Every structure is written in structure tokens, then in C-alpha cells.
């Protein structure tokens, strides 16, 4: 099924705080991408890996606190970046990233009959 026909998946509410400082940039090809490097606890890492597996090759809707509208993009595989800054509360640092980010009105299209 082409990407355009797959329903958009919402970024999980319980993981929303992780995207607080997500940096959005535009590449040389004119497409936007976003990434953030963040320390995570073991439970959070499990939730991220589980979510990433479920949304592979699908668009993810991001509702960022500093925007009235939403963004959609494809989530890239998590990248482990080594030790956490505070190893007493976190098990490591990961990069969460998205590619092909586009503006979105936060509304799912009506199903076609």
C-alpha cells in the first residue's frame, strides 16, 4: 500500500514531552527534517522502540507545543548515542528523528466509501 494510503499515526501522548525541543531544519533538497538527542529511561526506550516498529513506513503526526497546527513526517530508526548525561536516572542517550516533514491541519481525512 502506498504511503499516501496508510492512515497517519499520532505521536503517543505519553512520549509528547520528549519532543519539546525538537529542532526542525530544511535540507539542501528543500525537504524538512527534525531531530532531538535525549536521555531516556529503560521504560521510555522500550516505548520508543515499540512505537518505531509499529509506524515503520507510515507518517506520524506531531503536535508540538509551540505550534497551532501539526506536522507529519516519517520516523527514522532510533540511534543510540551512548551514555546518558545522568546515568542514575537514565540508561542512555538516543536520537529521535523524522524526515519528509510537512505541515498538517491536525485533522484526519474522512474515510472514502
N, C-alpha and C. Protein backbone atom coordinates (compact mmCIF):
# COMPACT_ATOMS: atom_id res chain seq x y z
N UNK A 1 0.85 -1.17 0.00
CA UNK A 1 0.00 0.00 0.00
C UNK A 1 0.90 1.23 0.00
N UNK A 2 0.66 2.19 -0.90
CA UNK A 2 1.48 3.41 -0.93
C UNK A 2 1.35 4.20 0.38
N UNK A 3 2.42 4.92 0.72
CA UNK A 3 2.44 5.70 1.95
C UNK A 3 1.24 6.62 2.05
N UNK A 4 0.82 7.21 0.94
CA UNK A 4 -0.29 8.16 0.97
C UNK A 4 -1.62 7.51 1.36
N UNK A 5 -1.73 6.18 1.28
CA UNK A 5 -2.96 5.49 1.62
C UNK A 5 -2.96 4.95 3.05
N UNK A 6 -1.81 4.93 3.70
CA UNK A 6 -1.74 4.48 5.09
C UNK A 6 -2.25 5.59 6.00
N UNK A 7 -3.06 5.24 7.00
CA UNK A 7 -3.51 6.28 7.92
C UNK A 7 -2.33 6.86 8.71
N UNK A 8 -2.43 8.14 9.01
CA UNK A 8 -1.41 8.81 9.81
C UNK A 8 -1.53 8.32 11.25
N UNK A 9 -0.40 8.09 11.89
CA UNK A 9 -0.36 7.61 13.27
C UNK A 9 0.00 8.79 14.18
N UNK A 10 -0.73 8.95 15.26
CA UNK A 10 -0.46 10.02 16.23
C UNK A 10 0.77 9.67 17.08
N UNK A 11 1.62 10.67 17.32
CA UNK A 11 2.72 10.51 18.27
C UNK A 11 2.09 10.29 19.64
N UNK A 12 2.53 9.29 20.40
CA UNK A 12 1.89 8.96 21.69
C UNK A 12 1.95 10.11 22.70
N UNK A 13 0.83 10.32 23.36
CA UNK A 13 0.72 11.38 24.37
C UNK A 13 1.78 11.21 25.45
N UNK A 14 2.02 9.96 25.88
CA UNK A 14 2.98 9.74 26.97
C UNK A 14 4.42 10.05 26.56
N UNK A 15 4.68 10.12 25.25
CA UNK A 15 6.01 10.46 24.76
C UNK A 15 6.12 11.92 24.31
N UNK A 16 5.02 12.66 24.41
CA UNK A 16 4.99 14.06 23.95
C UNK A 16 6.10 14.92 24.55
N UNK A 17 6.39 14.81 25.86
CA UNK A 17 7.45 15.65 26.43
C UNK A 17 8.82 15.47 25.77
N UNK A 18 9.05 14.32 25.15
CA UNK A 18 10.35 14.08 24.51
C UNK A 18 10.59 15.00 23.32
N UNK A 19 9.52 15.50 22.71
CA UNK A 19 9.65 16.33 21.51
C UNK A 19 9.68 17.83 21.82
N UNK A 20 9.73 18.17 23.09
CA UNK A 20 9.66 19.57 23.50
C UNK A 20 10.67 20.45 22.77
N UNK A 21 11.88 19.99 22.59
CA UNK A 21 12.94 20.78 21.96
C UNK A 21 13.33 20.25 20.58
N UNK A 22 12.39 19.59 19.91
CA UNK A 22 12.65 19.05 18.57
C UNK A 22 13.09 20.18 17.64
N UNK A 23 14.22 20.01 16.98
CA UNK A 23 14.75 21.00 16.06
C UNK A 23 14.32 20.63 14.63
N UNK A 24 13.64 21.57 13.94
CA UNK A 24 13.21 21.37 12.56
C UNK A 24 14.14 22.18 11.66
N UNK A 25 14.64 21.55 10.61
CA UNK A 25 15.55 22.22 9.67
C UNK A 25 15.15 21.81 8.25
N UNK A 26 15.66 22.56 7.29
CA UNK A 26 15.43 22.26 5.88
C UNK A 26 16.75 21.83 5.26
N UNK A 27 16.73 20.66 4.59
CA UNK A 27 17.92 20.14 3.95
C UNK A 27 18.19 20.82 2.61
N UNK A 28 19.30 20.48 2.00
CA UNK A 28 19.70 21.04 0.70
C UNK A 28 18.68 20.72 -0.39
N UNK A 29 17.93 19.63 -0.22
CA UNK A 29 16.93 19.23 -1.20
C UNK A 29 15.58 19.94 -0.99
N UNK A 30 15.51 20.82 0.01
CA UNK A 30 14.28 21.57 0.28
C UNK A 30 13.30 20.85 1.19
N UNK A 31 13.61 19.63 1.58
CA UNK A 31 12.72 18.87 2.48
C UNK A 31 13.11 19.13 3.93
N UNK A 32 12.08 19.17 4.78
CA UNK A 32 12.33 19.41 6.20
C UNK A 32 12.55 18.10 6.94
N UNK A 33 13.35 18.19 7.97
CA UNK A 33 13.61 17.06 8.85
C UNK A 33 13.70 17.59 10.27
N UNK A 34 13.56 16.70 11.24
CA UNK A 34 13.66 17.10 12.64
C UNK A 34 14.38 16.06 13.44
N UNK A 35 15.05 16.53 14.49
CA UNK A 35 15.73 15.58 15.37
C UNK A 35 15.94 16.19 16.75
N UNK A 36 16.08 15.28 17.69
CA UNK A 36 16.42 15.66 19.06
C UNK A 36 17.22 14.52 19.68
N UNK A 37 18.24 14.88 20.42
CA UNK A 37 19.04 13.91 21.18
C UNK A 37 18.61 14.05 22.64
N UNK A 38 18.24 12.92 23.24
CA UNK A 38 17.64 12.98 24.57
C UNK A 38 18.02 11.76 25.40
N UNK A 39 18.20 11.99 26.70
CA UNK A 39 18.43 10.89 27.64
C UNK A 39 17.10 10.20 27.91
N UNK A 40 17.14 8.87 28.00
CA UNK A 40 15.91 8.11 28.23
C UNK A 40 16.10 7.05 29.31
N UNK A 41 15.01 6.79 30.02
CA UNK A 41 14.98 5.69 30.98
C UNK A 41 14.64 4.41 30.23
N UNK A 42 14.81 3.27 30.87
CA UNK A 42 14.58 1.99 30.19
C UNK A 42 13.15 1.84 29.70
N UNK A 43 12.16 2.27 30.48
CA UNK A 43 10.77 2.15 30.06
C UNK A 43 10.49 3.03 28.84
N UNK A 44 11.04 4.23 28.83
CA UNK A 44 10.86 5.13 27.69
C UNK A 44 11.51 4.56 26.44
N UNK A 45 12.69 3.98 26.59
CA UNK A 45 13.37 3.36 25.45
C UNK A 45 12.53 2.22 24.89
N UNK A 46 11.93 1.41 25.75
CA UNK A 46 11.05 0.34 25.30
C UNK A 46 9.87 0.91 24.51
N UNK A 47 9.22 1.95 25.06
CA UNK A 47 8.07 2.56 24.38
C UNK A 47 8.45 3.14 23.02
N UNK A 48 9.61 3.78 22.95
CA UNK A 48 10.08 4.34 21.67
C UNK A 48 10.33 3.25 20.64
N UNK A 49 10.99 2.19 21.06
CA UNK A 49 11.27 1.09 20.14
C UNK A 49 9.99 0.41 19.67
N UNK A 50 9.06 0.23 20.57
CA UNK A 50 7.77 -0.38 20.22
C UNK A 50 7.02 0.50 19.24
N UNK A 51 6.98 1.80 19.49
CA UNK A 51 6.28 2.73 18.60
C UNK A 51 6.96 2.77 17.23
N UNK A 52 8.26 2.86 17.22
CA UNK A 52 9.01 2.89 15.95
C UNK A 52 8.69 1.66 15.10
N UNK A 53 8.62 0.50 15.71
CA UNK A 53 8.32 -0.73 14.96
C UNK A 53 6.92 -0.69 14.36
N UNK A 54 5.97 -0.11 15.07
CA UNK A 54 4.59 -0.05 14.58
C UNK A 54 4.38 0.98 13.47
N UNK A 55 5.21 2.02 13.43
CA UNK A 55 4.98 3.09 12.45
C UNK A 55 5.94 3.06 11.27
N UNK A 56 6.72 2.02 11.16
CA UNK A 56 7.69 1.95 10.06
C UNK A 56 6.97 2.14 8.73
N UNK A 57 7.49 3.07 7.91
CA UNK A 57 6.95 3.39 6.58
C UNK A 57 5.57 4.01 6.64
N UNK A 58 5.26 4.67 7.74
CA UNK A 58 3.98 5.38 7.88
C UNK A 58 4.28 6.79 8.37
N UNK A 59 3.37 7.70 8.11
CA UNK A 59 3.53 9.06 8.60
C UNK A 59 3.09 9.15 10.05
N UNK A 60 3.78 10.00 10.80
CA UNK A 60 3.48 10.23 12.21
C UNK A 60 3.08 11.70 12.37
N UNK A 61 1.96 11.93 13.06
CA UNK A 61 1.51 13.31 13.32
C UNK A 61 2.13 13.79 14.62
N UNK A 62 2.77 14.94 14.53
CA UNK A 62 3.42 15.55 15.68
C UNK A 62 2.66 16.81 16.07
N UNK A 63 2.26 16.88 17.33
CA UNK A 63 1.58 18.07 17.86
C UNK A 63 2.56 18.76 18.80
N UNK A 64 3.26 19.74 18.28
CA UNK A 64 4.28 20.42 19.06
C UNK A 64 3.66 21.59 19.82
N UNK A 65 4.11 21.78 21.05
CA UNK A 65 3.52 22.78 21.94
C UNK A 65 3.63 24.20 21.38
N UNK A 66 4.67 24.50 20.62
CA UNK A 66 4.87 25.87 20.13
C UNK A 66 4.19 26.13 18.78
N UNK A 67 3.34 25.21 18.32
CA UNK A 67 2.66 25.36 17.03
C UNK A 67 1.17 25.14 17.19
N UNK A 68 0.38 25.93 16.46
CA UNK A 68 -1.07 25.75 16.48
C UNK A 68 -1.48 24.59 15.58
N UNK A 69 -0.74 24.39 14.50
CA UNK A 69 -1.03 23.30 13.58
C UNK A 69 -0.15 22.10 13.92
N UNK A 70 -0.25 21.07 13.13
CA UNK A 70 0.55 19.86 13.34
C UNK A 70 1.57 19.71 12.23
N UNK A 71 2.45 18.77 12.42
CA UNK A 71 3.40 18.36 11.39
C UNK A 71 3.25 16.87 11.20
N UNK A 72 3.54 16.38 10.01
CA UNK A 72 3.62 14.94 9.79
C UNK A 72 4.95 14.64 9.13
N UNK A 73 5.50 13.49 9.46
CA UNK A 73 6.76 13.05 8.88
C UNK A 73 6.95 11.58 9.18
N UNK A 74 7.91 10.98 8.50
CA UNK A 74 8.23 9.58 8.77
C UNK A 74 9.32 9.51 9.83
N UNK A 75 9.12 8.62 10.80
CA UNK A 75 10.09 8.45 11.87
C UNK A 75 11.24 7.58 11.37
N UNK A 76 12.46 8.03 11.63
CA UNK A 76 13.64 7.24 11.32
C UNK A 76 13.90 6.26 12.46
N UNK A 77 14.74 5.29 12.21
CA UNK A 77 15.14 4.36 13.27
C UNK A 77 15.85 5.09 14.38
N UNK A 78 15.63 4.66 15.62
CA UNK A 78 16.33 5.26 16.75
C UNK A 78 17.82 5.02 16.63
N UNK A 79 18.59 5.99 17.03
CA UNK A 79 20.05 5.85 17.04
C UNK A 79 20.52 5.97 18.48
N UNK A 80 21.24 4.97 18.95
CA UNK A 80 21.82 5.04 20.29
C UNK A 80 23.06 5.90 20.25
N UNK A 81 23.15 6.86 21.17
CA UNK A 81 24.27 7.80 21.19
C UNK A 81 25.19 7.60 22.38
N UNK A 82 25.01 6.51 23.11
CA UNK A 82 25.91 6.23 24.22
C UNK A 82 25.31 6.52 25.58
N UNK A 83 26.18 6.86 26.50
CA UNK A 83 25.80 7.04 27.90
C UNK A 83 24.95 8.28 28.10
N UNK A 84 24.06 8.19 29.06
CA UNK A 84 23.22 9.33 29.44
C UNK A 84 24.04 10.33 30.24
N UNK A 85 23.64 11.59 30.19
CA UNK A 85 24.31 12.62 30.99
C UNK A 85 24.14 12.34 32.48
N UNK A 86 22.99 11.78 32.86
CA UNK A 86 22.71 11.43 34.26
C UNK A 86 22.38 9.94 34.34
N UNK A 87 23.39 9.09 34.44
CA UNK A 87 23.15 7.64 34.44
C UNK A 87 22.40 7.12 35.66
N UNK A 88 22.19 7.94 36.68
CA UNK A 88 21.41 7.47 37.83
C UNK A 88 19.92 7.42 37.52
N UNK A 89 19.46 8.19 36.51
CA UNK A 89 18.04 8.22 36.18
C UNK A 89 17.74 7.75 34.75
N UNK A 90 18.76 7.64 33.91
CA UNK A 90 18.57 7.26 32.51
C UNK A 90 19.56 6.17 32.12
N UNK A 91 19.16 5.36 31.13
CA UNK A 91 20.05 4.27 30.72
C UNK A 91 20.91 4.63 29.51
N UNK A 92 20.55 5.70 28.81
CA UNK A 92 21.33 6.09 27.65
C UNK A 92 20.75 7.30 26.95
N UNK A 93 21.44 7.71 25.89
CA UNK A 93 21.02 8.84 25.07
C UNK A 93 20.68 8.30 23.69
N UNK A 94 19.54 8.76 23.13
CA UNK A 94 19.12 8.34 21.79
C UNK A 94 18.78 9.57 20.96
N UNK A 95 18.83 9.38 19.65
CA UNK A 95 18.37 10.41 18.71
C UNK A 95 17.02 9.97 18.16
N UNK A 96 16.01 10.84 18.33
CA UNK A 96 14.70 10.65 17.72
C UNK A 96 14.69 11.58 16.52
N UNK A 97 14.37 11.05 15.33
CA UNK A 97 14.38 11.90 14.15
C UNK A 97 13.29 11.52 13.17
N UNK A 98 12.94 12.51 12.35
CA UNK A 98 11.88 12.36 11.35
C UNK A 98 12.37 12.97 10.05
N UNK A 99 11.90 12.43 8.93
CA UNK A 99 12.23 13.02 7.63
C UNK A 99 10.95 13.30 6.85
N UNK A 100 11.10 14.08 5.79
CA UNK A 100 9.96 14.48 4.95
C UNK A 100 8.85 15.12 5.78
N UNK A 101 9.19 16.06 6.63
CA UNK A 101 8.21 16.73 7.48
C UNK A 101 7.40 17.72 6.66
N UNK A 102 6.08 17.67 6.86
CA UNK A 102 5.16 18.55 6.15
C UNK A 102 4.17 19.14 7.14
N UNK A 103 3.60 20.30 6.78
CA UNK A 103 2.55 20.90 7.60
C UNK A 103 1.30 20.04 7.50
N UNK A 104 0.51 20.05 8.58
CA UNK A 104 -0.70 19.26 8.64
C UNK A 104 -1.72 20.02 9.48
N UNK A 105 -3.00 19.89 9.15
CA UNK A 105 -4.03 20.63 9.88
C UNK A 105 -4.55 19.91 11.12
N UNK A 106 -3.96 18.82 11.50
CA UNK A 106 -4.33 18.06 12.70
C UNK A 106 -5.65 17.31 12.57
N UNK A 107 -6.20 17.20 11.38
CA UNK A 107 -7.48 16.53 11.17
C UNK A 107 -7.27 15.38 10.20
N UNK A 108 -7.79 14.21 10.57
CA UNK A 108 -7.71 13.06 9.67
C UNK A 108 -8.72 13.26 8.54
N UNK A 109 -8.37 12.90 7.30
CA UNK A 109 -9.35 12.99 6.22
C UNK A 109 -10.49 12.00 6.44
N UNK A 110 -11.66 12.34 5.93
CA UNK A 110 -12.82 11.44 6.05
C UNK A 110 -12.55 10.18 5.25
N UNK A 111 -12.94 9.02 5.77
CA UNK A 111 -12.75 7.77 5.02
C UNK A 111 -13.53 7.81 3.72
N UNK A 112 -12.91 7.25 2.68
CA UNK A 112 -13.58 7.19 1.37
C UNK A 112 -14.42 5.94 1.28
N UNK A 113 -15.58 6.09 0.68
CA UNK A 113 -16.51 4.94 0.57
C UNK A 113 -16.14 4.07 -0.60
